[in-house]
Amino acid sequence: MHRVEPDGALDALEDEPRVVLLMGPTAAGKTALALELVQRFPLDVVSVDSAQVFRQMNIGTAKPEPEVLRRVPHRLIDIRDPWESYSAAEFLQDAGAAIHEIHAAGRSALLVGGTMLYFRALTRGLSPLPAADPGVRRRLEREAREHGWEALHHRLAELDPKAARRIHPNDPQRIQRALEVQRLTGVPISELQARGGAKFPARYLKLIVSPTDRTVLHRRIEQRFDGMLDLGLVAEVADLKRDQRMSADLPSMRAVGYRQVWRHLEGCSDREQMRAEAIAASRQLAKRQLTWLRRVGAAQRLDPSADGAVAAIARSVERFLR
């Protein structure tokens, strides 16, 4: 008999997979901690990152170095071309297959990343939302070019106040999706999301890592983006932009950092303005991630820079895997 925990996760039977979820905002240090845990325990890494799924996008997504990936393979990295799409439903299917494969090999899955929608799909189930409609999306993009995304956010607030409160006015991808679902179904996306869906049957250990001092996280975000620029992020985006199959409207190019560099290459901003916009967008992303993480139940929360944090996490993982 399954017992439902307060946060909705299943307390699985012993033959069900045990899955470690390592969650946190952007630039919190999740990858370094994951590599530390893999060295200590029989864990295989599964990426939970909606941008790292794309090939040719290495610098701006902070993918681990090739040497690290050879030593510690990460599933669900480099599985789509950047002109393709990738949905939460596809993640749920791919992650589920990876977890079962890892479990069958006598190991446990370590899911690491910051795409909170993917974590939610896994642990709470996926809402029955319609597939993307290219025609509706093109019309919304035309409206955004004419009136601006802020105006579309105001429209969303009239149609679905709950979704508008949750979606930032500077988040065009989610604004577009919410309006698209409304047009396709006539039902607010917040109502459909509340209905939920089938959860993935597993036993979860939820670990949340984030600096307790917000200024520390902001400094890490700034330093990481400057490092990306030093490594050649502008050249990486320029190479992508030369491909006829690429456009600014693709999901891959809406990722934080890529969107701002693309606009810079279009002549919409100088380098300093592009840098400032990308850092600001990264901070907004971190804020949204932290808001979501505050609502996660039954999780161990740790500051990765605090004394003994890694040891505390290791003890939790050891007890969980026994």
C-alpha atoms as a PDB file:
ATOM      1  CA  MET A   1       0.000   0.000   0.000  1.00  0.00           C
ATOM      2  CA  HIS A   2       1.366   3.426  -0.964  1.00  0.00           C
ATOM      3  CA  ARG A   3       1.337   6.220   1.570  1.00  0.00           C
ATOM      4  CA  VAL A   4       1.041   9.754   0.158  1.00  0.00           C
ATOM      5  CA  GLU A   5       3.347  12.250   1.853  1.00  0.00           C
ATOM      6  CA  PRO A   6       2.073  15.806   2.509  1.00  0.00           C
ATOM      7  CA  ASP A   7       4.077  17.153  -0.438  1.00  0.00           C
ATOM      8  CA  GLY A   8       2.519  14.606  -2.810  1.00  0.00           C
ATOM      9  CA  ALA A   9       5.547  12.333  -3.315  1.00  0.00           C
ATOM     10  CA  LEU A  10       4.990   8.607  -2.995  1.00  0.00           C
ATOM     11  CA  ASP A  11       6.538   6.658  -0.163  1.00  0.00           C
ATOM     12  CA  ALA A  12       7.408   3.841  -2.524  1.00  0.00           C
ATOM     13  CA  LEU A  13       7.698   0.142  -1.967  1.00  0.00           C
ATOM     14  CA  GLU A  14      11.195  -1.233  -1.486  1.00  0.00           C
ATOM     15  CA  ASP A  15      11.407  -2.412  -5.101  1.00  0.00           C
ATOM     16  CA  GLU A  16      10.746   1.096  -6.427  1.00  0.00           C
ATOM     17  CA  PRO A  17      13.666   3.353  -7.368  1.00  0.00           C
ATOM     18  CA  ARG A  18      15.257   5.648  -4.816  1.00  0.00           C
ATOM     19  CA  VAL A  19      15.911   9.008  -6.417  1.00  0.00           C
ATOM     20  CA  VAL A  20      17.982  11.886  -5.048  1.00  0.00           C
ATOM     21  CA  LEU A  21      16.804  15.316  -6.205  1.00  0.00           C
ATOM     22  CA  LEU A  22      19.467  18.025  -5.997  1.00  0.00           C
ATOM     23  CA  MET A  23      17.672  21.316  -6.578  1.00  0.00           C
ATOM     24  CA  GLY A  24      18.700  24.943  -6.349  1.00  0.00           C
ATOM     25  CA  PRO A  25      18.764  28.288  -8.127  1.00  0.00           C
ATOM     26  CA  THR A  26      21.123  29.094 -10.966  1.00  0.00           C
ATOM     27  CA  ALA A  27      24.793  29.475  -9.948  1.00  0.00           C
ATOM     28  CA  ALA A  28      24.234  27.878  -6.520  1.00  0.00           C
ATOM     29  CA  GLY A  29      26.942  25.240  -7.031  1.00  0.00           C
ATOM     30  CA  LYS A  30      24.780  22.202  -7.773  1.00  0.00           C
ATOM     31  CA  THR A  31      27.134  20.602 -10.318  1.00  0.00           C
ATOM     32  CA  ALA A  32      30.168  20.662  -8.007  1.00  0.00           C
ATOM     33  CA  LEU A  33      28.130  19.108  -5.209  1.00  0.00           C
ATOM     34  CA  ALA A  34      26.733  16.447  -7.553  1.00  0.00           C
ATOM     35  CA  LEU A  35      30.244  15.429  -8.597  1.00  0.00           C
ATOM     36  CA  GLU A  36      31.206  15.149  -4.939  1.00  0.00           C
ATOM     37  CA  LEU A  37      28.244  12.869  -4.216  1.00  0.00           C
ATOM     38  CA  VAL A  38      28.926  10.667  -7.256  1.00  0.00           C
ATOM     39  CA  GLN A  39      32.431  10.016  -5.944  1.00  0.00           C
ATOM     40  CA  ARG A  40      31.034   8.809  -2.628  1.00  0.00           C
ATOM     41  CA  PHE A  41      27.899   6.859  -3.564  1.00  0.00           C
ATOM     42  CA  PRO A  42      26.533   4.555  -6.322  1.00  0.00           C
ATOM     43  CA  LEU A  43      24.744   7.401  -8.095  1.00  0.00           C
ATOM     44  CA  ASP A  44      24.277   8.205 -11.787  1.00  0.00           C
ATOM     45  CA  VAL A  45      23.529  11.783 -12.826  1.00  0.00           C
ATOM     46  CA  VAL A  46      20.427  12.845 -14.750  1.00  0.00           C
ATOM     47  CA  SER A  47      20.361  16.492 -15.832  1.00  0.00           C
ATOM     48  CA  VAL A  48      17.232  18.520 -15.031  1.00  0.00           C
ATOM     49  CA  ASP A  49      17.987  21.520 -17.230  1.00  0.00           C
ATOM     50  CA  SER A  50      15.808  22.720 -20.100  1.00  0.00           C
ATOM     51  CA  ALA A  51      18.762  24.394 -21.852  1.00  0.00           C
ATOM     52  CA  GLN A  52      21.435  21.714 -21.424  1.00  0.00           C
ATOM     53  CA  VAL A  53      19.323  19.364 -23.546  1.00  0.00           C
ATOM     54  CA  PHE A  54      20.459  21.342 -26.619  1.00  0.00           C
ATOM     55  CA  ARG A  55      23.603  20.531 -28.581  1.00  0.00           C
ATOM     56  CA  GLN A  56      26.044  23.336 -29.501  1.00  0.00           C
ATOM     57  CA  MET A  57      24.974  25.295 -26.412  1.00  0.00           C
ATOM     58  CA  ASN A  58      27.799  24.624 -24.003  1.00  0.00           C
ATOM     59  CA  ILE A  59      29.109  27.860 -22.552  1.00  0.00           C
ATOM     60  CA  GLY A  60      25.842  29.677 -21.849  1.00  0.00           C
ATOM     61  CA  THR A  61      24.223  26.606 -20.268  1.00  0.00           C
ATOM     62  CA  ALA A  62      27.215  25.963 -17.981  1.00  0.00           C
ATOM     63  CA  LYS A  63      27.497  22.362 -19.144  1.00  0.00           C
ATOM     64  CA  PRO A  64      30.201  20.373 -17.379  1.00  0.00           C
ATOM     65  CA  GLU A  65      33.505  20.211 -19.230  1.00  0.00           C
ATOM     66  CA  PRO A  66      33.900  17.304 -21.719  1.00  0.00           C
ATOM     67  CA  GLU A  67      36.485  15.686 -19.431  1.00  0.00           C
ATOM     68  CA  VAL A  68      33.994  15.751 -16.561  1.00  0.00           C
ATOM     69  CA  LEU A  69      31.263  14.272 -18.757  1.00  0.00           C
ATOM     70  CA  ARG A  70      33.611  11.474 -19.833  1.00  0.00           C
ATOM     71  CA  ARG A  71      34.371  10.710 -16.201  1.00  0.00           C
ATOM     72  CA  VAL A  72      30.825  11.227 -14.907  1.00  0.00           C
ATOM     73  CA  PRO A  73      28.269  10.783 -17.714  1.00  0.00           C
ATOM     74  CA  HIS A  74      25.157  12.977 -17.429  1.00  0.00           C
ATOM     75  CA  ARG A  75      21.957  11.706 -18.977  1.00  0.00           C
ATOM     76  CA  LEU A  76      19.643  14.156 -20.822  1.00  0.00           C
ATOM     77  CA  ILE A  77      22.433  16.470 -21.954  1.00  0.00           C
ATOM     78  CA  ASP A  78      22.878  17.088 -25.723  1.00  0.00           C
ATOM     79  CA  ILE A  79      19.746  15.187 -26.780  1.00  0.00           C
ATOM     80  CA  ARG A  80      18.165  17.843 -29.045  1.00  0.00           C
ATOM     81  CA  ASP A  81      19.393  20.181 -31.761  1.00  0.00           C
ATOM     82  CA  PRO A  82      18.975  23.862 -30.856  1.00  0.00           C
ATOM     83  CA  TRP A  83      16.306  24.429 -33.527  1.00  0.00           C
ATOM     84  CA  GLU A  84      14.139  21.689 -31.988  1.00  0.00           C
ATOM     85  CA  SER A  85      11.814  21.852 -28.989  1.00  0.00           C
ATOM     86  CA  TYR A  86      11.739  19.858 -25.775  1.00  0.00           C
ATOM     87  CA  SER A  87       8.772  19.692 -23.420  1.00  0.00           C
ATOM     88  CA  ALA A  88       8.145  18.780 -19.808  1.00  0.00           C
ATOM     89  CA  ALA A  89       6.192  15.749 -21.036  1.00  0.00           C
ATOM     90  CA  GLU A  90       9.250  14.569 -22.985  1.00  0.00           C
ATOM     91  CA  PHE A  91      11.429  15.124 -19.937  1.00  0.00           C
ATOM     92  CA  LEU A  92       9.073  13.069 -17.793  1.00  0.00           C
ATOM     93  CA  GLN A  93       9.265  10.192 -20.261  1.00  0.00           C
ATOM     94  CA  ASP A  94      13.051  10.417 -20.725  1.00  0.00           C
ATOM     95  CA  ALA A  95      13.822  10.863 -17.035  1.00  0.00           C
ATOM     96  CA  GLY A  96      11.554   7.974 -16.117  1.00  0.00           C
ATOM     97  CA  ALA A  97      13.334   5.699 -18.583  1.00  0.00           C
ATOM     98  CA  ALA A  98      16.728   6.815 -17.232  1.00  0.00           C
ATOM     99  CA  ILE A  99      15.690   6.224 -13.621  1.00  0.00           C
ATOM    100  CA  HIS A 100      14.454   2.708 -14.409  1.00  0.00           C
ATOM    101  CA  GLU A 101      17.661   1.921 -16.325  1.00  0.00           C
ATOM    102  CA  ILE A 102      19.837   3.139 -13.455  1.00  0.00           C
ATOM    103  CA  HIS A 103      17.729   1.236 -10.903  1.00  0.00           C
ATOM    104  CA  ALA A 104      17.973  -1.966 -12.971  1.00  0.00           C
ATOM    105  CA  ALA A 105      21.771  -1.633 -12.861  1.00  0.00           C
ATOM    106  CA  GLY A 106      21.681  -1.618  -9.063  1.00  0.00           C
ATOM    107  CA  ARG A 107      22.367   2.094  -8.688  1.00  0.00           C
ATOM    108  CA  SER A 108      20.330   5.190  -7.844  1.00  0.00           C
ATOM    109  CA  ALA A 109      19.572   8.277  -9.908  1.00  0.00           C
ATOM    110  CA  LEU A 110      20.815  11.728  -8.878  1.00  0.00           C
ATOM    111  CA  LEU A 111      18.692  14.345 -10.629  1.00  0.00           C
ATOM    112  CA  VAL A 112      20.479  17.692 -10.718  1.00  0.00           C
ATOM    113  CA  GLY A 113      19.339  21.022 -12.101  1.00  0.00           C
ATOM    114  CA  GLY A 114      17.267  24.146 -11.842  1.00  0.00           C
ATOM    115  CA  THR A 115      14.310  23.605 -14.186  1.00  0.00           C
ATOM    116  CA  MET A 116      11.614  23.529 -11.552  1.00  0.00           C
ATOM    117  CA  LEU A 117       8.819  22.612 -13.967  1.00  0.00           C
ATOM    118  CA  TYR A 118      10.648  19.340 -14.681  1.00  0.00           C
ATOM    119  CA  PHE A 119      11.026  18.533 -10.977  1.00  0.00           C
ATOM    120  CA  ARG A 120       7.347  19.302 -10.490  1.00  0.00           C
ATOM    121  CA  ALA A 121       6.358  17.044 -13.396  1.00  0.00           C
ATOM    122  CA  LEU A 122       8.305  14.179 -11.841  1.00  0.00           C
ATOM    123  CA  THR A 123       7.122  14.514  -8.246  1.00  0.00           C
ATOM    124  CA  ARG A 124       3.599  15.915  -8.624  1.00  0.00           C
ATOM    125  CA  GLY A 125       2.532  14.802 -12.071  1.00  0.00           C
ATOM    126  CA  LEU A 126       2.067  16.733 -15.270  1.00  0.00           C
ATOM    127  CA  SER A 127      -0.981  18.840 -15.958  1.00  0.00           C
ATOM    128  CA  PRO A 128      -3.072  17.820 -19.002  1.00  0.00           C
ATOM    129  CA  LEU A 129      -2.042  20.753 -21.193  1.00  0.00           C
ATOM    130  CA  PRO A 130      -2.438  20.847 -24.991  1.00  0.00           C
ATOM    131  CA  ALA A 131       0.552  20.508 -27.297  1.00  0.00           C
ATOM    132  CA  ALA A 132       2.139  23.664 -28.705  1.00  0.00           C
ATOM    133  CA  ASP A 133       0.317  25.184 -31.670  1.00  0.00           C
ATOM    134  CA  PRO A 134       2.723  26.890 -34.125  1.00  0.00           C
ATOM    135  CA  GLY A 135      -0.026  29.086 -35.588  1.00  0.00           C
ATOM    136  CA  VAL A 136      -1.157  30.418 -32.222  1.00  0.00           C
ATOM    137  CA  ARG A 137       2.449  31.016 -31.189  1.00  0.00           C
ATOM    138  CA  ARG A 138       3.201  32.980 -34.352  1.00  0.00           C
ATOM    139  CA  ARG A 139       0.173  35.194 -33.756  1.00  0.00           C
ATOM    140  CA  LEU A 140       1.209  35.838 -30.163  1.00  0.00           C
ATOM    141  CA  GLU A 141       4.751  36.669 -31.288  1.00  0.00           C
ATOM    142  CA  ARG A 142       3.390  39.167 -33.799  1.00  0.00           C
ATOM    143  CA  GLU A 143       1.281  40.749 -31.081  1.00  0.00           C
ATOM    144  CA  ALA A 144       4.320  40.912 -28.802  1.00  0.00           C
ATOM    145  CA  ARG A 145       6.398  42.632 -31.499  1.00  0.00           C
ATOM    146  CA  GLU A 146       3.604  45.167 -31.987  1.00  0.00           C
ATOM    147  CA  HIS A 147       2.576  45.808 -28.378  1.00  0.00           C
ATOM    148  CA  GLY A 148       5.356  44.317 -26.228  1.00  0.00           C
ATOM    149  CA  TRP A 149       5.380  41.371 -23.817  1.00  0.00           C
ATOM    150  CA  GLU A 150       4.361  43.627 -20.922  1.00  0.00           C
ATOM    151  CA  ALA A 151       1.063  44.331 -22.696  1.00  0.00           C
ATOM    152  CA  LEU A 152       0.526  40.601 -23.190  1.00  0.00           C
ATOM    153  CA  HIS A 153       1.237  40.082 -19.502  1.00  0.00           C
ATOM    154  CA  HIS A 154      -1.495  42.631 -18.712  1.00  0.00           C
ATOM    155  CA  ARG A 155      -3.837  40.662 -20.959  1.00  0.00           C
ATOM    156  CA  LEU A 156      -2.929  37.474 -19.118  1.00  0.00           C
ATOM    157  CA  ALA A 157      -3.701  39.218 -15.804  1.00  0.00           C
ATOM    158  CA  GLU A 158      -7.231  39.877 -17.046  1.00  0.00           C
ATOM    159  CA  LEU A 159      -7.755  36.298 -18.241  1.00  0.00           C
ATOM    160  CA  ASP A 160      -5.884  34.401 -15.537  1.00  0.00           C
ATOM    161  CA  PRO A 161      -4.848  36.542 -12.539  1.00  0.00           C
ATOM    162  CA  LYS A 162      -3.386  33.569 -10.673  1.00  0.00           C
ATOM    163  CA  ALA A 163      -1.017  32.691 -13.535  1.00  0.00           C
ATOM    164  CA  ALA A 164      -0.093  36.353 -14.062  1.00  0.00           C
ATOM    165  CA  ARG A 165       0.938  36.692 -10.416  1.00  0.00           C
ATOM    166  CA  ARG A 166       3.198  33.665 -10.792  1.00  0.00           C
ATOM    167  CA  ILE A 167       4.704  34.616 -14.184  1.00  0.00           C
ATOM    168  CA  HIS A 168       7.103  37.562 -14.327  1.00  0.00           C
ATOM    169  CA  PRO A 169       6.377  40.263 -16.954  1.00  0.00           C
ATOM    170  CA  ASN A 170       9.905  39.667 -18.320  1.00  0.00           C
ATOM    171  CA  ASP A 171       9.289  35.955 -18.944  1.00  0.00           C
ATOM    172  CA  PRO A 172       7.972  35.885 -22.544  1.00  0.00           C
ATOM    173  CA  GLN A 173       8.133  32.110 -22.919  1.00  0.00           C
ATOM    174  CA  ARG A 174       5.764  31.460 -20.014  1.00  0.00           C
ATOM    175  CA  ILE A 175       3.498  34.393 -20.912  1.00  0.00           C
ATOM    176  CA  GLN A 176       3.179  33.001 -24.423  1.00  0.00           C
ATOM    177  CA  ARG A 177       2.468  29.473 -23.168  1.00  0.00           C
ATOM    178  CA  ALA A 178      -0.206  30.658 -20.732  1.00  0.00           C
ATOM    179  CA  LEU A 179      -1.994  32.689 -23.418  1.00  0.00           C
ATOM    180  CA  GLU A 180      -1.610  29.850 -25.917  1.00  0.00           C
ATOM    181  CA  VAL A 181      -3.268  27.362 -23.557  1.00  0.00           C
ATOM    182  CA  GLN A 182      -6.070  29.845 -22.849  1.00  0.00           C
ATOM    183  CA  ARG A 183      -6.744  30.279 -26.575  1.00  0.00           C
ATOM    184  CA  LEU A 184      -6.600  26.563 -27.342  1.00  0.00           C
ATOM    185  CA  THR A 185      -8.757  25.342 -24.451  1.00  0.00           C
ATOM    186  CA  GLY A 186     -10.722  28.336 -23.212  1.00  0.00           C
ATOM    187  CA  VAL A 187      -9.576  27.355 -19.710  1.00  0.00           C
ATOM    188  CA  PRO A 188      -6.968  29.262 -17.637  1.00  0.00           C
ATOM    189  CA  ILE A 189      -3.637  27.473 -17.467  1.00  0.00           C
ATOM    190  CA  SER A 190      -3.639  27.830 -13.668  1.00  0.00           C
ATOM    191  CA  GLU A 191      -6.856  25.797 -13.499  1.00  0.00           C
ATOM    192  CA  LEU A 192      -5.480  23.044 -15.742  1.00  0.00           C
ATOM    193  CA  GLN A 193      -2.225  22.904 -13.777  1.00  0.00           C
ATOM    194  CA  ALA A 194      -4.131  22.515 -10.527  1.00  0.00           C
ATOM    195  CA  ARG A 195      -5.683  19.306 -11.832  1.00  0.00           C
ATOM    196  CA  GLY A 196      -2.310  17.556 -11.890  1.00  0.00           C
ATOM    197  CA  GLY A 197      -1.634  14.149 -13.393  1.00  0.00           C
ATOM    198  CA  ALA A 198       0.155  10.844 -12.862  1.00  0.00           C
ATOM    199  CA  LYS A 199       3.236  11.029 -10.625  1.00  0.00           C
ATOM    200  CA  PHE A 200       6.388   9.026 -11.239  1.00  0.00           C
ATOM    201  CA  PRO A 201       6.454   6.190  -8.660  1.00  0.00           C
ATOM    202  CA  ALA A 202       9.676   6.478  -6.692  1.00  0.00           C
ATOM    203  CA  ARG A 203      11.027   7.296  -3.262  1.00  0.00           C
ATOM    204  CA  TYR A 204      12.601  10.759  -3.230  1.00  0.00           C
ATOM    205  CA  LEU A 205      15.233  12.496  -1.160  1.00  0.00           C
ATOM    206  CA  LYS A 206      14.885  16.230  -1.806  1.00  0.00           C
ATOM    207  CA  LEU A 207      17.984  18.358  -1.309  1.00  0.00           C
ATOM    208  CA  ILE A 208      17.851  22.127  -1.833  1.00  0.00           C
ATOM    209  CA  VAL A 209      21.134  24.025  -2.000  1.00  0.00           C
ATOM    210  CA  SER A 210      21.339  27.806  -2.041  1.00  0.00           C
ATOM    211  CA  PRO A 211      23.387  30.519  -0.329  1.00  0.00           C
ATOM    212  CA  THR A 212      21.359  31.955   2.531  1.00  0.00           C
ATOM    213  CA  ASP A 213      22.747  35.407   1.747  1.00  0.00           C
ATOM    214  CA  ARG A 214      21.091  36.629  -1.457  1.00  0.00           C
ATOM    215  CA  THR A 215      24.027  38.967  -2.186  1.00  0.00           C
ATOM    216  CA  VAL A 216      26.327  35.933  -2.333  1.00  0.00           C
ATOM    217  CA  LEU A 217      24.103  34.335  -4.961  1.00  0.00           C
ATOM    218  CA  HIS A 218      23.974  37.590  -6.949  1.00  0.00           C
ATOM    219  CA  ARG A 219      27.755  37.810  -6.876  1.00  0.00           C
ATOM    220  CA  ARG A 220      28.065  34.199  -8.060  1.00  0.00           C
ATOM    221  CA  ILE A 221      25.630  34.914 -10.921  1.00  0.00           C
ATOM    222  CA  GLU A 222      27.649  37.932 -12.024  1.00  0.00           C
ATOM    223  CA  GLN A 223      30.963  36.100 -11.804  1.00  0.00           C
ATOM    224  CA  ARG A 224      29.609  33.117 -13.716  1.00  0.00           C
ATOM    225  CA  PHE A 225      28.260  35.218 -16.570  1.00  0.00           C
ATOM    226  CA  ASP A 226      31.535  37.140 -16.825  1.00  0.00           C
ATOM    227  CA  GLY A 227      33.270  33.779 -17.001  1.00  0.00           C
ATOM    228  CA  MET A 228      30.956  32.732 -19.833  1.00  0.00           C
ATOM    229  CA  LEU A 229      31.854  35.884 -21.754  1.00  0.00           C
ATOM    230  CA  ASP A 230      35.550  35.169 -21.223  1.00  0.00           C
ATOM    231  CA  LEU A 231      35.064  31.622 -22.534  1.00  0.00           C
ATOM    232  CA  GLY A 232      33.457  32.891 -25.749  1.00  0.00           C
ATOM    233  CA  LEU A 233      29.694  33.008 -25.226  1.00  0.00           C
ATOM    234  CA  VAL A 234      29.235  35.735 -27.846  1.00  0.00           C
ATOM    235  CA  ALA A 235      31.056  33.627 -30.444  1.00  0.00           C
ATOM    236  CA  GLU A 236      28.977  30.590 -29.469  1.00  0.00           C
ATOM    237  CA  VAL A 237      25.736  32.491 -30.087  1.00  0.00           C
ATOM    238  CA  ALA A 238      27.121  34.013 -33.300  1.00  0.00           C
ATOM    239  CA  ASP A 239      27.828  30.493 -34.623  1.00  0.00           C
ATOM    240  CA  LEU A 240      24.279  29.431 -33.793  1.00  0.00           C
ATOM    241  CA  LYS A 241      22.838  32.575 -35.354  1.00  0.00           C
ATOM    242  CA  ARG A 242      24.511  31.826 -38.692  1.00  0.00           C
ATOM    243  CA  ASP A 243      22.496  28.616 -39.012  1.00  0.00           C
ATOM    244  CA  GLN A 244      19.439  29.192 -41.242  1.00  0.00           C
ATOM    245  CA  ARG A 245      17.349  26.941 -38.987  1.00  0.00           C
ATOM    246  CA  MET A 246      17.855  29.217 -35.970  1.00  0.00           C
ATOM    247  CA  SER A 247      15.773  32.208 -34.887  1.00  0.00           C
ATOM    248  CA  ALA A 248      15.345  34.338 -31.797  1.00  0.00           C
ATOM    249  CA  ASP A 249      11.872  32.851 -31.223  1.00  0.00           C
ATOM    250  CA  LEU A 250      13.096  29.286 -30.660  1.00  0.00           C
ATOM    251  CA  PRO A 251      12.906  27.901 -27.109  1.00  0.00           C
ATOM    252  CA  SER A 252      16.682  27.421 -27.064  1.00  0.00           C
ATOM    253  CA  MET A 253      17.361  31.084 -27.824  1.00  0.00           C
ATOM    254  CA  ARG A 254      14.947  32.238 -25.155  1.00  0.00           C
ATOM    255  CA  ALA A 255      17.260  30.822 -22.499  1.00  0.00           C
ATOM    256  CA  VAL A 256      18.756  33.426 -20.190  1.00  0.00           C
ATOM    257  CA  GLY A 257      22.022  34.714 -21.609  1.00  0.00           C
ATOM    258  CA  TYR A 258      21.366  33.507 -25.137  1.00  0.00           C
ATOM    259  CA  ARG A 259      18.413  35.852 -25.566  1.00  0.00           C
ATOM    260  CA  GLN A 260      20.458  38.884 -24.473  1.00  0.00           C
ATOM    261  CA  VAL A 261      23.507  37.982 -26.581  1.00  0.00           C
ATOM    262  CA  TRP A 262      21.302  37.417 -29.652  1.00  0.00           C
ATOM    263  CA  ARG A 263      19.829  40.903 -29.208  1.00  0.00           C
ATOM    264  CA  HIS A 264      23.367  42.283 -28.855  1.00  0.00           C
ATOM    265  CA  LEU A 265      24.375  40.639 -32.137  1.00  0.00           C
ATOM    266  CA  GLU A 266      21.289  42.179 -33.751  1.00  0.00           C
ATOM    267  CA  GLY A 267      22.569  45.609 -32.725  1.00  0.00           C
ATOM    268  CA  CYS A 268      19.917  46.168 -30.048  1.00  0.00           C
ATOM    269  CA  SER A 269      22.474  46.671 -27.259  1.00  0.00           C
ATOM    270  CA  ASP A 270      26.178  47.275 -26.751  1.00  0.00           C
ATOM    271  CA  ARG A 271      28.317  44.774 -24.857  1.00  0.00           C
ATOM    272  CA  GLU A 272      27.949  46.432 -21.443  1.00  0.00           C
ATOM    273  CA  GLN A 273      24.191  46.738 -21.803  1.00  0.00           C
ATOM    274  CA  MET A 274      23.964  43.115 -22.924  1.00  0.00           C
ATOM    275  CA  ARG A 275      26.000  42.049 -19.888  1.00  0.00           C
ATOM    276  CA  ALA A 276      23.800  44.032 -17.504  1.00  0.00           C
ATOM    277  CA  GLU A 277      20.593  42.674 -19.058  1.00  0.00           C
ATOM    278  CA  ALA A 278      21.804  39.075 -18.895  1.00  0.00           C
ATOM    279  CA  ILE A 279      22.861  39.371 -15.251  1.00  0.00           C
ATOM    280  CA  ALA A 280      19.531  41.010 -14.368  1.00  0.00           C
ATOM    281  CA  ALA A 281      17.642  38.231 -16.187  1.00  0.00           C
ATOM    282  CA  SER A 282      19.685  35.592 -14.353  1.00  0.00           C
ATOM    283  CA  ARG A 283      18.815  37.207 -11.018  1.00  0.00           C
ATOM    284  CA  GLN A 284      15.138  37.216 -11.949  1.00  0.00           C
ATOM    285  CA  LEU A 285      15.403  33.538 -12.883  1.00  0.00           C
ATOM    286  CA  ALA A 286      17.017  32.776  -9.523  1.00  0.00           C
ATOM    287  CA  LYS A 287      14.239  34.682  -7.758  1.00  0.00           C
ATOM    288  CA  ARG A 288      11.570  32.602  -9.523  1.00  0.00           C
ATOM    289  CA  GLN A 289      13.438  29.394  -8.699  1.00  0.00           C
ATOM    290  CA  LEU A 290      13.723  30.345  -5.036  1.00  0.00           C
ATOM    291  CA  THR A 291      10.008  31.156  -4.903  1.00  0.00           C
ATOM    292  CA  TRP A 292       9.224  27.683  -6.213  1.00  0.00           C
ATOM    293  CA  LEU A 293      11.717  26.031  -3.866  1.00  0.00           C
ATOM    294  CA  ARG A 294      10.147  27.670  -0.828  1.00  0.00           C
ATOM    295  CA  ARG A 295       6.991  25.693  -1.580  1.00  0.00           C
ATOM    296  CA  VAL A 296       8.768  22.321  -1.756  1.00  0.00           C
ATOM    297  CA  GLY A 297       7.853  20.170   1.211  1.00  0.00           C
ATOM    298  CA  ALA A 298       9.903  17.551   3.076  1.00  0.00           C
ATOM    299  CA  ALA A 299      13.254  18.823   1.798  1.00  0.00           C
ATOM    300  CA  GLN A 300      16.655  19.311   3.405  1.00  0.00           C
ATOM    301  CA  ARG A 301      17.859  22.878   2.810  1.00  0.00           C
ATOM    302  CA  LEU A 302      21.540  23.730   2.980  1.00  0.00           C
ATOM    303  CA  ASP A 303      23.906  26.572   2.193  1.00  0.00           C
ATOM    304  CA  PRO A 304      26.680  24.912   0.141  1.00  0.00           C
ATOM    305  CA  SER A 305      29.279  27.351   1.491  1.00  0.00           C
ATOM    306  CA  ALA A 306      28.443  26.713   5.169  1.00  0.00           C
ATOM    307  CA  ASP A 307      30.832  24.690   7.310  1.00  0.00           C
ATOM    308  CA  GLY A 308      29.931  21.017   7.215  1.00  0.00           C
ATOM    309  CA  ALA A 309      27.288  21.407   4.499  1.00  0.00           C
ATOM    310  CA  VAL A 310      28.754  18.772   2.188  1.00  0.00           C
ATOM    311  CA  ALA A 311      29.204  16.332   5.070  1.00  0.00           C
ATOM    312  CA  ALA A 312      25.596  16.881   6.162  1.00  0.00           C
ATOM    313  CA  ILE A 313      24.303  16.217   2.659  1.00  0.00           C
ATOM    314  CA  ALA A 314      26.481  13.120   2.381  1.00  0.00           C
ATOM    315  CA  ARG A 315      25.072  11.765   5.647  1.00  0.00           C
ATOM    316  CA  SER A 316      21.525  12.297   4.391  1.00  0.00           C
ATOM    317  CA  VAL A 317      22.260  10.507   1.119  1.00  0.00           C
ATOM    318  CA  GLU A 318      23.957   7.642   2.941  1.00  0.00           C
ATOM    319  CA  ARG A 319      20.924   7.105   5.214  1.00  0.00           C
ATOM    320  CA  PHE A 320      18.547   7.348   2.261  1.00  0.00           C
ATOM    321  CA  LEU A 321      20.389   4.744   0.168  1.00  0.00           C
ATOM    322  CA  ARG A 322      20.704   2.133   2.913  1.00  0.00           C
END
